[in-house]
Amino acid sequence: TVFFLQVGAFQKAADADNLKAKLALTGLEASVQEVTIPDKGVMHRVRVGPFRDPDAMNRARTLLSQSGVQGTVIKQAE
């Protein structure tokens, strides 16, 4: 199992890229995923990770909160 921290979901790719850039300034590498969600259309998810170690994920989560960014834990099977 791997974990990601989802820190945003935007309709505009530019908004997702702006958040990704902001996170890069804090030392966190984020990725943007384009997904199609029924009734909402195309969304751009911004996620930090993957993390295999819960402690590493929690350190990243602390960094995020110090920057005023909320992260939601997403669990994925490998």
Protein backbone atom coordinates (compact mmCIF):
# COMPACT_ATOMS: atom_id res chain seq x y z
CA THR A 1 0.00 0.00 0.00
CA VAL A 2 1.18 3.50 -0.81
CA PHE A 3 -0.18 6.80 0.43
CA PHE A 4 -0.60 10.18 -1.22
CA LEU A 5 -1.66 13.50 0.22
CA GLN A 6 -4.23 15.16 -2.00
CA VAL A 7 -3.92 18.89 -1.52
CA GLY A 8 -6.31 20.19 -4.15
CA ALA A 9 -8.59 19.50 -7.10
CA PHE A 10 -9.22 22.17 -9.70
CA GLN A 11 -11.16 22.55 -12.92
CA LYS A 12 -8.43 24.79 -14.37
CA ALA A 13 -5.03 23.21 -15.04
CA ALA A 14 -3.39 26.59 -14.31
CA ASP A 15 -4.75 26.56 -10.74
CA ALA A 16 -3.33 23.08 -10.18
CA ASP A 17 0.04 24.14 -11.61
CA ASN A 18 0.10 27.21 -9.34
CA LEU A 19 -0.40 25.04 -6.26
CA LYS A 20 2.25 22.59 -7.49
CA ALA A 21 4.71 25.49 -7.85
CA LYS A 22 3.84 26.82 -4.38
CA LEU A 23 4.53 23.38 -2.90
CA ALA A 24 7.86 23.17 -4.74
CA LEU A 25 8.94 26.31 -2.86
CA THR A 26 8.34 24.47 0.42
CA GLY A 27 10.46 21.54 -0.77
CA LEU A 28 7.57 19.19 -1.52
CA GLU A 29 7.27 17.59 -4.93
CA ALA A 30 3.70 17.33 -6.15
CA SER A 31 2.13 15.83 -9.23
CA VAL A 32 -0.97 16.83 -11.16
CA GLN A 33 -3.37 14.14 -12.37
CA GLU A 34 -6.11 14.87 -14.86
CA VAL A 35 -9.24 12.84 -14.13
CA THR A 36 -12.80 12.87 -15.41
CA ILE A 37 -15.42 12.88 -12.69
CA PRO A 38 -19.08 12.21 -13.52
CA ASP A 39 -21.22 15.38 -13.26
CA LYS A 40 -18.12 17.55 -12.74
CA GLY A 41 -16.10 16.99 -15.89
CA VAL A 42 -12.32 17.12 -16.02
CA MET A 43 -10.56 17.88 -12.75
CA HIS A 44 -6.86 18.35 -12.01
CA ARG A 45 -5.81 16.69 -8.76
CA VAL A 46 -2.71 17.88 -6.97
CA ARG A 47 -1.06 15.16 -4.89
CA VAL A 48 2.12 14.86 -2.87
CA GLY A 49 3.71 11.42 -2.65
CA PRO A 50 3.81 8.48 -2.97
CA PHE A 51 4.75 7.56 0.58
CA ARG A 52 5.36 4.02 1.77
CA ASP A 53 6.33 5.15 5.25
CA PRO A 54 3.56 6.73 7.36
CA ASP A 55 6.16 8.78 9.28
CA ALA A 56 7.44 10.39 6.07
CA MET A 57 3.85 11.14 5.06
CA ASN A 58 3.15 12.76 8.42
CA ARG A 59 6.29 14.93 8.13
CA ALA A 60 5.07 16.11 4.71
CA ARG A 61 1.61 16.75 6.17
CA THR A 62 3.16 18.93 8.88
CA LEU A 63 5.06 20.92 6.26
CA LEU A 64 1.84 21.38 4.31
CA SER A 65 -0.11 22.61 7.32
CA GLN A 66 2.68 25.09 8.15
CA SER A 67 2.16 26.46 4.64
CA GLY A 68 -1.59 26.69 5.18
CA VAL A 69 -2.40 23.72 2.94
CA GLN A 70 -4.69 20.88 3.99
CA GLY A 71 -3.78 17.40 2.81
CA THR A 72 -6.22 14.49 2.61
CA VAL A 73 -4.72 11.00 2.88
CA ILE A 74 -5.36 8.82 -0.18
CA LYS A 75 -4.53 5.14 0.11
CA GLN A 76 -3.73 3.12 -3.02
CA ALA A 77 -2.83 -0.48 -3.58
CA GLU A 78 0.40 -0.94 -5.52
